[in-house]
Amino acid sequence: MSYRQFAGYNVSGALAWVLALLLAGYWFGQIPTVKRNFHIVILAIIVISLLPVVIEYWRARRAPTTT
C-alpha cells in the first residue's frame, strides 16, 4: 500500500470516527434524563476513567514483593 493510499484511508477513517462520536454525543445529550442529571454523567465518566489506575495500584500493593 502506498503512503498516499494509507493517508487517504487514515483521513477518511478519522473523519468517520469524529462524525460518529459527534452524532452519538448529540443523541446522548438529548435524552431528558441525561439533561437533568448531567453532573452525575460527568462524575461517572471521571470515576470510570480513574478506575483502571485504582485497580492497578491495588493489585501492585497486594502482589508479593520479589527481591
C-alpha atoms as a PDB file:
ATOM      1  CA  MET A   1       0.000   0.000   0.000  1.00  0.00           C
ATOM      2  CA  SER A   2       1.408   3.378  -0.940  1.00  0.00           C
ATOM      3  CA  TYR A   3       1.648   6.198   1.561  1.00  0.00           C
ATOM      4  CA  ARG A   4      -0.876   8.227  -0.446  1.00  0.00           C
ATOM      5  CA  GLN A   5      -3.437   5.415  -0.197  1.00  0.00           C
ATOM      6  CA  PHE A   6      -2.709   4.931   3.511  1.00  0.00           C
ATOM      7  CA  ALA A   7      -3.116   8.656   4.169  1.00  0.00           C
ATOM      8  CA  GLY A   8      -6.454   8.656   2.331  1.00  0.00           C
ATOM      9  CA  TYR A   9      -7.755   5.756   4.403  1.00  0.00           C
ATOM     10  CA  ASN A  10      -6.395   7.324   7.578  1.00  0.00           C
ATOM     11  CA  VAL A  11      -8.080  10.676   6.960  1.00  0.00           C
ATOM     12  CA  SER A  12     -11.401   9.156   5.876  1.00  0.00           C
ATOM     13  CA  GLY A  13     -11.397   6.848   8.912  1.00  0.00           C
ATOM     14  CA  ALA A  14     -10.666   9.765  11.228  1.00  0.00           C
ATOM     15  CA  LEU A  15     -13.488  11.816   9.723  1.00  0.00           C
ATOM     16  CA  ALA A  16     -15.924   8.899  10.046  1.00  0.00           C
ATOM     17  CA  TRP A  17     -14.858   8.354  13.682  1.00  0.00           C
ATOM     18  CA  VAL A  18     -15.304  12.037  14.560  1.00  0.00           C
ATOM     19  CA  LEU A  19     -18.674  12.226  12.831  1.00  0.00           C
ATOM     20  CA  ALA A  20     -19.918   9.066  14.556  1.00  0.00           C
ATOM     21  CA  LEU A  21     -18.853  10.279  18.007  1.00  0.00           C
ATOM     22  CA  LEU A  22     -20.284  13.746  17.453  1.00  0.00           C
ATOM     23  CA  LEU A  23     -23.643  12.302  16.448  1.00  0.00           C
ATOM     24  CA  ALA A  24     -23.609   9.828  19.343  1.00  0.00           C
ATOM     25  CA  GLY A  25     -22.777  12.627  21.791  1.00  0.00           C
ATOM     26  CA  TYR A  26     -25.516  14.830  20.399  1.00  0.00           C
ATOM     27  CA  TRP A  27     -28.042  11.970  20.611  1.00  0.00           C
ATOM     28  CA  PHE A  28     -26.951  11.065  24.147  1.00  0.00           C
ATOM     29  CA  GLY A  29     -27.164  14.711  25.228  1.00  0.00           C
ATOM     30  CA  GLN A  30     -30.745  14.990  24.024  1.00  0.00           C
ATOM     31  CA  ILE A  31     -32.023  12.311  26.416  1.00  0.00           C
ATOM     32  CA  PRO A  32     -34.113  14.144  29.064  1.00  0.00           C
ATOM     33  CA  THR A  33     -32.689  12.135  31.976  1.00  0.00           C
ATOM     34  CA  VAL A  34     -29.143  12.971  30.894  1.00  0.00           C
ATOM     35  CA  LYS A  35     -30.047  16.646  30.537  1.00  0.00           C
ATOM     36  CA  ARG A  36     -31.440  16.763  34.075  1.00  0.00           C
ATOM     37  CA  ASN A  37     -28.572  14.811  35.667  1.00  0.00           C
ATOM     38  CA  PHE A  38     -25.590  15.885  33.580  1.00  0.00           C
ATOM     39  CA  HIS A  39     -23.462  16.421  36.691  1.00  0.00           C
ATOM     40  CA  ILE A  40     -23.905  12.728  37.532  1.00  0.00           C
ATOM     41  CA  VAL A  41     -22.873  11.751  33.984  1.00  0.00           C
ATOM     42  CA  ILE A  42     -19.689  13.821  34.302  1.00  0.00           C
ATOM     43  CA  LEU A  43     -18.927  12.305  37.703  1.00  0.00           C
ATOM     44  CA  ALA A  44     -19.479   8.792  36.311  1.00  0.00           C
ATOM     45  CA  ILE A  45     -17.079   9.497  33.414  1.00  0.00           C
ATOM     46  CA  ILE A  46     -14.418  10.690  35.867  1.00  0.00           C
ATOM     47  CA  VAL A  47     -14.852   7.670  38.151  1.00  0.00           C
ATOM     48  CA  ILE A  48     -14.765   5.202  35.248  1.00  0.00           C
ATOM     49  CA  SER A  49     -11.644   6.909  33.869  1.00  0.00           C
ATOM     50  CA  LEU A  50      -9.812   6.657  37.195  1.00  0.00           C
ATOM     51  CA  LEU A  51     -10.896   3.080  37.905  1.00  0.00           C
ATOM     52  CA  PRO A  52      -8.011   1.380  35.980  1.00  0.00           C
ATOM     53  CA  VAL A  53      -5.454   3.439  37.919  1.00  0.00           C
ATOM     54  CA  VAL A  54      -7.005   2.462  41.249  1.00  0.00           C
ATOM     55  CA  ILE A  55      -7.227  -1.213  40.269  1.00  0.00           C
ATOM     56  CA  GLU A  56      -3.579  -1.360  39.175  1.00  0.00           C
ATOM     57  CA  TYR A  57      -2.447   0.428  42.325  1.00  0.00           C
ATOM     58  CA  TRP A  58      -4.444  -2.045  44.429  1.00  0.00           C
ATOM     59  CA  ARG A  59      -3.002  -5.017  42.531  1.00  0.00           C
ATOM     60  CA  ALA A  60       0.535  -3.705  42.935  1.00  0.00           C
ATOM     61  CA  ARG A  61       0.059  -3.277  46.682  1.00  0.00           C
ATOM     62  CA  ARG A  62      -1.320  -6.829  47.041  1.00  0.00           C
ATOM     63  CA  ALA A  63       1.346  -8.503  44.907  1.00  0.00           C
ATOM     64  CA  PRO A  64       4.091 -10.272  46.813  1.00  0.00           C
ATOM     65  CA  THR A  65       7.377  -8.452  46.658  1.00  0.00           C
ATOM     66  CA  THR A  66      10.217 -10.244  44.938  1.00  0.00           C
ATOM     67  CA  THR A  67      13.805  -9.368  45.642  1.00  0.00           C
END
